Structures are given as structure tokens and as C-alpha cells.
Amino acid sequence: MGLTSNKVLVLSILFTALLFAGTVWCWPVLAPRTWRAVSGRIGLLFATQLALFASVGLGANQAFGFYAGWADLFGQESGQGVVVDGTGGAPGRGPLQVLDTQHVTASGGGRARTGGQIQKVAVVGRTTHIAAPAYVYLPPEYFQPRYRERRFPAAVVLTGYPGTAEALIKGLHYPRTARELAKDGRMQPMILVMMRPTVAPPRDTECVDVPGGPRAESFFARDLPDAVLAHYRVSEKPGGWGVIGDSTGGYCALKLAMHHPDVYAAGVGLSPSFKASLDATTGDLFRGDTALRDRADLWWCLKHLKAPDTSLLVSSSRVGERNYKDTLEFVDRVKAKGRTRIAAIILDRGGHNFNTWRREIPPALRWMSGRLGNY
């Protein structure tokens, strides 16, 4: 059973409850002040607390999608996301392969024409040779006869770090929210490409083209759109693509829109940072390349580079978010440049968590929808 399995969580809770009941039941027997009794009490208390912490941790991981599996949790993820085949894929296969499908629950049944469809895919970058899993949400209109010639706008949706792509579906409800908004006429139908920004797990690349390492920015800026375009009816024209993310994914979204406005006409950063982090999870991202380091710093970009022709949206909270002052300053600096359009969602209260982002995702998707072309 996987780390994110509901069965694992239920079994953990039941085991904790049994340990608690056993501790209460056995406590009188272990009352004597002998070393055996004392050791028994210590063992029961330790086991009960350990089981309780495990249950809480599993529940938190279910809610926030920190780790995708046991290997991910214990740092044993072996896949480096690099394909050795120089063609960027196996012979006879394209850069995107569909591995599985599921329907989005909707009134009227579980048909793709009613609720849309989520496809689990494997994407292989033709130039970066990065291989990464993703989930693609196709709106109901994609399968309806009257839209069979239509090309849809698309948005890349990124998690934070470590994050899991499944959390974008189960925890943040992107497909369900997009379907409901489009059904009510509050946004146009869009294709969502949902994935984690960590293309070389367990390393956090901060969407940087690491010298001698994974070229994460190039993957998201070129290879991913090309792979999706080759497989789905997605807009090929400028202004048809957006990118949205939370936390680390929010930083990546802003950077991709600012660095590649020819690809991404809109970028949304929910609780973003504004420069690449450097810590034990990232390692040395820049290898002494000061130009690369500067380019990964959005403050530096605003000061030294020409304002890109793109639209940005950032979010924060007056109470509960550490980036509140930085967000306000970022908005002011972007406005001062003149060419880049920017908007903000500022909540009165909200932490760096899924509950906050679920409140921000509907207006963010509506905002993005209004800035992407309808083809």
C-alpha cells in the first residue's frame, strides 16, 4: 500500500487507537515500581505517541501532498528524470505518452463529455532529455462534437517543493474548480497540465538550467509545451499559454512568464518567493555562474532587464504569510516598469497552506482565462 493510500491512513489510526486502549488497560498491571514495569510503561507510551505522530503525519501528507511515496519520503527516489536516448524518446513514440485515464466526477455521470477527463502522462523533453510525469486535465468541451475543431488554451500548473502532482487534483481541486467555473461561464474551458516542478527528484532545481545538471527551465519553457502541442488540440498561437503555481511553483510560474513571454502570456504565483532558494535540497544551482544566478533573481530582472510583455498575478495575506511585504514591493516595482501588467490577491488572513490556496485558485483561474486567447 502506498504512502498516500487511504487504507494506510485508516490502519494507522486504528493501530493508534488500539495502542491507546491497550495502554489504559495494561496500566494497572504495570503499576509496580520494578524495572520491568517501568520499562513496560515507557514502551507503551513511546509506541502510542509514535503511532499518533505517524497518523498525524500521514493525514498531513494526504492533505498537503508533500511526498508521493515511501521512497520519496525517505529520500530514496532513484529516478533522475533524464533519458539517455538522444532522440528524446523511444523509437516510434512521441514525446508524450498516456499511461492512464480517469473521469472528473460530475452530475450527469462519469462521462468525459460531461465532466472532462484526467490523463496520467509521461513527458520526455526532446532537447533537455528530461522525463517527468504529469496529469493532463481535458475539459468536457474537448470531447464534445461541436468543439472538435477547436484548439484550447492551456495552463501549466505547478506544485510547491517537494509536492506531488496528485495533490493538485485531490488537495487543490484544480480540475473540479476549472470544470465548475467553465460550466458557470466564469472562465473559458482550458487544458491543465499538472505536475511538480521537481524534474530531478529528490533535488529541488528551482526551475533553473543547472550547469552540468538538469535543464529545468528549458524543459518547462520549450519541451513541455512542444510535447503537449504534439499530442493535444492546444493553442499554437501567442497568448494561448499560462502558468500557475504555489510556493516554489509560484516562483517558477512568475519566472517562466517573465523570462519567456513568447510562450507564457500569463503567470500566477500563489504565495511565491521572488528568487531561487539555495539550501541542502537544491545544492549548488549556479556553479559560480553569476549571470545565471542573477537571472534567477526576479528582483535583479526587474532592475536590469527590459520589462517583458506578459501578465502577472501574485498572492499573499496580511496575516499569516511571510512574503506579504515582498509581494507589495514586487507589485510596485513591476508597475514602475510600465510594460508588464500585474495584479494581486491579498487576503486578510491565510497561511502558507492548501486551505489558503484553495481560496485563491478560483479567482486566479478566472483572471488567467481572461488573458489567454480563445481559439
Protein backbone atom coordinates (compact mmCIF):
# COMPACT_ATOMS: atom_id res chain seq x y z
CA MET A 1 0.00 0.00 0.00
CA GLY A 2 1.29 3.42 -0.96
CA LEU A 3 2.09 6.31 1.32
CA THR A 4 -0.92 8.28 0.07
CA SER A 5 -3.33 5.35 0.30
CA ASN A 6 -6.44 5.89 2.42
CA LYS A 7 -6.04 2.32 3.70
CA VAL A 8 -2.65 3.17 5.19
CA LEU A 9 -4.10 6.19 6.97
CA VAL A 10 -7.08 4.24 8.33
CA LEU A 11 -4.87 1.38 9.52
CA SER A 12 -2.54 3.85 11.22
CA ILE A 13 -5.44 5.49 13.05
CA LEU A 14 -6.86 2.12 14.12
CA PHE A 15 -3.44 0.96 15.34
CA THR A 16 -3.06 4.18 17.34
CA ALA A 17 -6.48 3.72 18.92
CA LEU A 18 -5.69 0.10 19.84
CA LEU A 19 -2.38 1.12 21.39
CA PHE A 20 -4.10 3.82 23.42
CA ALA A 21 -6.75 1.38 24.65
CA GLY A 22 -4.07 -1.21 25.42
CA THR A 23 -2.07 1.32 27.39
CA VAL A 24 -5.09 2.23 29.52
CA TRP A 25 -5.97 -1.44 30.02
CA CYS A 26 -2.44 -2.55 30.94
CA TRP A 27 -1.53 0.44 33.11
CA PRO A 28 -2.66 -1.15 36.44
CA VAL A 29 -0.61 -4.24 35.66
CA LEU A 30 2.46 -2.06 35.11
CA ALA A 31 1.91 -0.01 38.26
CA PRO A 32 4.66 -1.63 40.43
CA ARG A 33 7.96 0.23 40.73
CA THR A 34 10.04 -2.55 39.26
CA TRP A 35 12.35 -2.07 36.32
CA ARG A 36 10.19 -4.37 34.19
CA ALA A 37 7.01 -2.42 34.94
CA VAL A 38 8.71 0.96 34.38
CA SER A 39 10.17 -0.29 31.09
CA GLY A 40 6.72 -1.51 30.04
CA ARG A 41 5.13 1.86 30.77
CA ILE A 42 7.86 3.68 28.84
CA GLY A 43 7.47 1.29 25.91
CA LEU A 44 3.70 1.68 25.72
CA LEU A 45 3.85 5.47 25.97
CA PHE A 46 6.57 5.67 23.33
CA ALA A 47 4.73 3.33 20.95
CA THR A 48 1.43 5.20 21.38
CA GLN A 49 3.00 8.60 20.75
CA LEU A 50 4.96 7.27 17.78
CA ALA A 51 1.76 5.85 16.28
CA LEU A 52 -0.05 9.13 16.95
CA PHE A 53 2.67 11.17 15.23
CA ALA A 54 2.63 8.76 12.29
CA SER A 55 -1.14 9.15 11.91
CA VAL A 56 -0.90 12.93 12.04
CA GLY A 57 1.95 12.89 9.54
CA LEU A 58 0.07 10.63 7.13
CA GLY A 59 -3.01 12.83 7.43
CA ALA A 60 -0.98 15.97 6.78
CA ASN A 61 0.65 14.35 3.75
CA GLN A 62 -2.79 13.38 2.43
CA ALA A 63 -3.99 16.95 2.84
CA PHE A 64 -0.93 18.81 1.55
CA GLY A 65 0.77 16.31 -0.77
CA PHE A 66 4.34 16.64 0.49
CA TYR A 67 5.54 13.19 -0.62
CA ALA A 68 4.29 10.88 -3.37
CA GLY A 69 5.52 7.56 -1.94
CA TRP A 70 7.72 5.80 0.60
CA ALA A 71 10.87 6.20 -1.49
CA ASP A 72 10.14 9.91 -1.84
CA LEU A 73 9.63 10.24 1.93
CA PHE A 74 12.90 8.52 2.83
CA GLY A 75 14.95 10.25 0.14
CA GLN A 76 15.38 7.09 -1.88
CA GLU A 77 13.76 8.34 -5.10
CA SER A 78 16.10 6.97 -7.73
CA GLY A 79 14.63 8.40 -10.92
CA GLN A 80 16.74 11.31 -12.14
CA GLY A 81 14.36 12.35 -14.90
CA VAL A 82 16.98 12.01 -17.66
CA VAL A 83 16.56 9.93 -20.82
CA VAL A 84 19.74 8.62 -22.42
CA ASP A 85 18.13 8.18 -25.84
CA GLY A 86 19.37 11.17 -27.83
CA THR A 87 16.18 11.36 -29.89
CA GLY A 88 14.22 12.41 -26.81
CA GLY A 89 12.07 9.27 -26.72
CA ALA A 90 11.88 5.63 -27.55
CA PRO A 91 11.82 4.70 -31.24
CA GLY A 92 8.38 5.13 -32.74
CA ARG A 93 7.00 7.02 -29.75
CA GLY A 94 6.26 10.69 -29.28
CA PRO A 95 7.37 13.00 -26.51
CA LEU A 96 4.14 12.38 -24.55
CA GLN A 97 2.61 9.02 -23.68
CA VAL A 98 -0.75 8.48 -21.96
CA LEU A 99 -0.43 5.93 -19.16
CA ASP A 100 -3.87 6.02 -17.58
CA THR A 101 -7.17 7.93 -17.61
CA GLN A 102 -9.82 8.89 -15.08
CA HIS A 103 -13.01 10.92 -15.25
CA VAL A 104 -13.82 14.03 -13.26
CA THR A 105 -16.90 13.40 -11.16
CA ALA A 106 -19.83 15.48 -12.37
CA SER A 107 -23.59 15.47 -12.31
CA GLY A 108 -24.88 13.51 -15.24
CA GLY A 109 -22.45 10.62 -14.91
CA GLY A 110 -18.76 9.97 -15.27
CA ARG A 111 -18.51 10.56 -19.00
CA ALA A 112 -15.70 12.66 -20.49
CA ARG A 113 -18.24 14.81 -22.35
CA THR A 114 -19.87 15.71 -19.03
CA GLY A 115 -17.10 16.09 -16.50
CA GLY A 116 -13.92 16.02 -18.53
CA GLN A 117 -11.03 13.63 -18.27
CA ILE A 118 -7.70 13.45 -16.44
CA GLN A 119 -4.90 11.64 -18.22
CA LYS A 120 -1.77 10.47 -16.46
CA VAL A 121 1.10 11.01 -18.89
CA ALA A 122 4.84 10.66 -19.21
CA VAL A 123 6.58 13.60 -20.89
CA VAL A 124 10.03 13.37 -22.47
CA GLY A 125 11.89 16.55 -23.39
CA ARG A 126 13.34 16.36 -26.88
CA THR A 127 16.09 18.90 -26.17
CA THR A 128 16.65 18.52 -22.42
CA HIS A 129 16.08 14.73 -22.31
CA ILE A 130 14.21 15.21 -19.04
CA ALA A 131 11.46 12.66 -18.40
CA ALA A 132 8.74 13.70 -15.98
CA PRO A 133 5.24 12.50 -15.06
CA ALA A 134 2.23 14.81 -15.27
CA TYR A 135 -1.54 14.84 -15.24
CA VAL A 136 -3.45 16.49 -18.07
CA TYR A 137 -6.99 17.71 -17.47
CA LEU A 138 -9.12 17.86 -20.61
CA PRO A 139 -12.37 19.84 -20.17
CA PRO A 140 -15.72 18.32 -21.21
CA GLU A 141 -15.82 20.56 -24.27
CA TYR A 142 -12.68 18.82 -25.58
CA PHE A 143 -14.82 15.70 -26.21
CA GLN A 144 -17.98 17.39 -27.46
CA PRO A 145 -18.65 17.27 -31.23
CA ARG A 146 -19.27 21.00 -31.62
CA TYR A 147 -15.74 21.73 -30.35
CA ARG A 148 -13.94 19.05 -32.38
CA GLU A 149 -12.06 21.64 -34.45
CA ARG A 150 -11.28 23.94 -31.55
CA ARG A 151 -7.84 24.42 -30.06
CA PHE A 152 -7.94 25.18 -26.35
CA PRO A 153 -5.79 27.49 -24.22
CA ALA A 154 -3.57 25.65 -21.76
CA ALA A 155 -2.09 26.30 -18.35
CA VAL A 156 0.85 24.55 -16.72
CA VAL A 157 0.04 24.02 -13.03
CA LEU A 158 2.96 23.52 -10.63
CA THR A 159 3.12 22.32 -7.03
CA GLY A 160 5.49 23.57 -4.39
CA TYR A 161 8.52 21.59 -3.18
CA PRO A 162 8.52 18.69 -2.57
CA GLY A 163 4.85 18.40 -3.55
CA THR A 164 3.08 15.78 -5.63
CA ALA A 165 1.13 16.22 -8.85
CA GLU A 166 -1.70 14.18 -7.31
CA ALA A 167 -2.15 16.91 -4.70
CA LEU A 168 -3.15 19.34 -7.43
CA ILE A 169 -6.11 17.05 -8.16
CA LYS A 170 -7.04 15.68 -4.74
CA GLY A 171 -5.96 18.52 -2.45
CA LEU A 172 -6.22 21.71 -4.51
CA HIS A 173 -9.05 20.50 -6.80
CA TYR A 174 -7.82 22.20 -9.97
CA PRO A 175 -9.80 20.04 -12.45
CA ARG A 176 -13.03 20.26 -10.47
CA THR A 177 -12.67 24.00 -9.99
CA ALA A 178 -11.89 24.59 -13.68
CA ARG A 179 -14.88 22.49 -14.75
CA GLU A 180 -17.28 24.31 -12.40
CA LEU A 181 -16.03 27.77 -13.42
CA ALA A 182 -16.32 26.96 -17.13
CA LYS A 183 -19.76 25.42 -16.65
CA ASP A 184 -20.95 28.64 -14.98
CA GLY A 185 -19.41 30.77 -17.75
CA ARG A 186 -16.87 32.38 -15.40
CA MET A 187 -13.86 31.14 -17.39
CA GLN A 188 -13.27 29.59 -20.76
CA PRO A 189 -12.56 25.84 -21.00
CA MET A 190 -8.82 25.26 -20.60
CA ILE A 191 -6.45 22.32 -20.65
CA LEU A 192 -4.42 21.98 -17.44
CA VAL A 193 -1.00 20.31 -17.38
CA MET A 194 -0.40 19.49 -13.72
CA MET A 195 2.98 18.46 -12.35
CA ARG A 196 5.64 19.10 -9.74
CA PRO A 197 8.50 21.49 -10.57
CA THR A 198 10.94 18.88 -9.28
CA VAL A 199 12.02 17.24 -12.54
CA ALA A 200 15.08 15.55 -10.99
CA PRO A 201 13.84 14.21 -7.65
CA PRO A 202 14.73 14.48 -4.87
CA ARG A 203 16.65 17.62 -5.88
CA ASP A 204 14.89 20.98 -5.87
CA THR A 205 16.10 22.62 -9.07
CA GLU A 206 14.06 25.84 -8.59
CA CYS A 207 13.30 25.67 -12.35
CA VAL A 208 16.92 26.57 -13.14
CA ASP A 209 19.06 25.30 -16.03
CA VAL A 210 21.68 23.83 -13.71
CA PRO A 211 25.18 23.83 -15.28
CA GLY A 212 26.09 20.21 -15.86
CA GLY A 213 22.71 19.18 -14.43
CA PRO A 214 19.02 19.12 -15.35
CA ARG A 215 17.89 21.99 -17.58
CA ALA A 216 14.62 22.51 -15.77
CA GLU A 217 13.78 25.97 -17.11
CA SER A 218 14.29 24.88 -20.71
CA PHE A 219 12.09 21.85 -20.10
CA PHE A 220 9.17 23.99 -18.90
CA ALA A 221 9.76 26.78 -21.43
CA ARG A 222 10.16 24.66 -24.57
CA ASP A 223 9.99 20.90 -24.25
CA LEU A 224 6.80 20.64 -22.21
CA PRO A 225 4.71 22.96 -24.44
CA ASP A 226 6.06 21.21 -27.55
CA ALA A 227 5.14 17.78 -26.17
CA VAL A 228 1.63 18.88 -25.24
CA LEU A 229 1.13 20.60 -28.61
CA ALA A 230 2.14 17.42 -30.40
CA HIS A 231 -0.50 15.37 -28.62
CA TYR A 232 -3.48 17.61 -27.83
CA ARG A 233 -5.57 20.28 -29.53
CA VAL A 234 -3.82 23.14 -27.76
CA SER A 235 -3.45 26.69 -28.99
CA GLU A 236 -0.34 27.20 -31.13
CA LYS A 237 -0.69 30.97 -31.26
CA PRO A 238 0.98 33.51 -28.96
CA GLY A 239 -1.17 34.25 -25.95
CA GLY A 240 -2.59 30.75 -25.60
CA TRP A 241 -0.49 29.51 -22.67
CA GLY A 242 -0.35 30.40 -18.98
CA VAL A 243 1.44 29.01 -15.92
CA ILE A 244 0.32 28.93 -12.29
CA GLY A 245 1.90 27.53 -9.14
CA ASP A 246 2.09 27.78 -5.38
CA SER A 247 5.15 28.40 -3.20
CA THR A 248 8.20 27.17 -5.17
CA GLY A 249 5.86 26.51 -8.09
CA GLY A 250 4.68 30.12 -7.79
CA TYR A 251 8.23 31.39 -8.11
CA CYS A 252 8.72 29.14 -11.14
CA ALA A 253 5.49 30.42 -12.71
CA LEU A 254 6.49 34.07 -12.37
CA LYS A 255 9.99 33.38 -13.66
CA LEU A 256 8.77 31.42 -16.67
CA ALA A 257 6.32 34.16 -17.64
CA MET A 258 8.94 36.89 -17.19
CA HIS A 259 11.74 35.02 -18.99
CA HIS A 260 9.57 33.53 -21.75
CA PRO A 261 6.69 35.91 -22.54
CA ASP A 262 6.63 34.50 -26.07
CA VAL A 263 5.47 31.19 -24.55
CA TYR A 264 3.53 32.19 -21.42
CA ALA A 265 1.18 35.13 -21.76
CA ALA A 266 0.25 34.95 -18.07
CA GLY A 267 1.93 33.75 -14.88
CA VAL A 268 0.36 33.30 -11.44
CA GLY A 269 2.40 32.98 -8.26
CA LEU A 270 0.40 31.91 -5.20
CA SER A 271 2.47 32.71 -2.09
CA PRO A 272 5.63 32.87 -4.22
CA SER A 273 9.21 33.64 -3.43
CA PHE A 274 10.99 36.01 -5.79
CA LYS A 275 14.44 34.46 -6.07
CA ALA A 276 15.81 30.94 -6.18
CA SER A 277 16.40 29.30 -2.83
CA LEU A 278 19.77 27.78 -2.02
CA ASP A 279 19.85 25.07 0.64
CA ALA A 280 20.54 21.39 1.18
CA THR A 281 17.70 20.38 -1.15
CA THR A 282 18.94 22.48 -4.08
CA GLY A 283 22.68 22.03 -3.85
CA ASP A 284 24.81 24.40 -5.90
CA LEU A 285 22.43 25.51 -8.63
CA PHE A 286 24.69 28.01 -10.36
CA ARG A 287 28.21 26.53 -10.17
CA GLY A 288 29.74 30.00 -9.92
CA ASP A 289 27.81 31.37 -12.91
CA THR A 290 26.89 34.85 -11.68
CA ALA A 291 24.85 35.64 -14.81
CA LEU A 292 22.70 32.57 -14.22
CA ARG A 293 22.33 33.44 -10.54
CA ASP A 294 21.26 36.98 -11.37
CA ARG A 295 18.75 35.79 -13.95
CA ALA A 296 17.13 33.53 -11.34
CA ASP A 297 16.59 36.56 -9.09
CA LEU A 298 13.35 38.29 -10.12
CA TRP A 299 14.36 41.45 -8.23
CA TRP A 300 17.50 41.65 -10.35
CA CYS A 301 15.46 41.05 -13.52
CA LEU A 302 13.12 43.92 -12.68
CA LYS A 303 16.04 46.25 -12.13
CA HIS A 304 18.31 45.32 -15.03
CA LEU A 305 16.23 43.75 -17.81
CA LYS A 306 13.60 45.12 -20.15
CA ALA A 307 10.08 44.62 -18.84
CA PRO A 308 8.53 41.57 -20.55
CA ASP A 309 5.23 41.78 -22.41
CA THR A 310 3.28 39.42 -20.14
CA SER A 311 0.68 39.49 -17.36
CA LEU A 312 1.44 38.51 -13.75
CA LEU A 313 -0.72 37.78 -10.72
CA VAL A 314 0.67 37.34 -7.21
CA SER A 315 -0.99 36.48 -3.91
CA SER A 316 -0.29 36.88 -0.21
CA SER A 317 -2.01 37.51 3.14
CA ARG A 318 -1.69 40.43 5.53
CA VAL A 319 -1.53 37.99 8.44
CA GLY A 320 -0.04 34.53 8.07
CA GLU A 321 2.28 34.90 5.08
CA ARG A 322 5.94 35.85 5.37
CA ASN A 323 6.08 37.23 1.83
CA TYR A 324 3.45 39.95 2.35
CA LYS A 325 5.80 42.95 2.29
CA ASP A 326 7.88 41.47 -0.52
CA THR A 327 4.72 40.90 -2.55
CA LEU A 328 3.62 44.51 -2.22
CA GLU A 329 7.09 45.70 -3.17
CA PHE A 330 7.18 43.35 -6.16
CA VAL A 331 3.86 44.73 -7.40
CA ASP A 332 5.13 48.30 -7.06
CA ARG A 333 8.35 47.54 -8.94
CA VAL A 334 6.53 45.80 -11.77
CA LYS A 335 4.14 48.72 -12.11
CA ALA A 336 7.09 51.10 -12.23
CA LYS A 337 8.48 49.26 -15.26
CA GLY A 338 5.29 50.05 -17.17
CA ARG A 339 5.11 47.28 -19.78
CA THR A 340 4.35 44.23 -17.66
CA ARG A 341 0.80 44.03 -16.36
CA ILE A 342 0.34 42.88 -12.76
CA ALA A 343 -2.49 42.21 -10.33
CA ALA A 344 -2.64 40.82 -6.80
CA ILE A 345 -4.85 38.79 -4.48
CA ILE A 346 -4.29 39.93 -0.89
CA LEU A 347 -6.22 38.07 1.81
CA ASP A 348 -6.72 39.44 5.31
CA ARG A 349 -5.60 36.14 6.84
CA GLY A 350 -4.16 33.00 5.35
CA GLY A 351 -1.18 30.76 5.90
CA HIS A 352 1.21 29.05 3.54
CA ASN A 353 -1.08 26.08 3.01
CA PHE A 354 -3.67 24.34 0.85
CA ASN A 355 -6.63 25.98 2.57
CA THR A 356 -5.34 29.42 1.59
CA TRP A 357 -4.54 28.42 -1.99
CA ARG A 358 -7.96 26.81 -2.45
CA ARG A 359 -9.43 30.24 -1.72
CA GLU A 360 -7.17 31.88 -4.30
CA ILE A 361 -7.34 29.35 -7.14
CA PRO A 362 -10.86 30.21 -8.44
CA PRO A 363 -10.17 33.95 -8.89
CA ALA A 364 -6.69 33.15 -10.23
CA LEU A 365 -8.10 30.81 -12.90
CA ARG A 366 -10.74 33.37 -13.87
CA TRP A 367 -8.04 36.04 -14.14
CA MET A 368 -5.84 33.80 -16.28
CA SER A 369 -8.72 32.79 -18.51
CA GLY A 370 -9.32 36.42 -19.36
CA ARG A 371 -5.73 36.84 -20.52
CA LEU A 372 -5.40 33.79 -22.73
CA GLY A 373 -6.64 33.75 -26.29
CA ASN A 374 -9.73 31.81 -27.27
CA TYR A 375 -9.06 29.87 -30.45
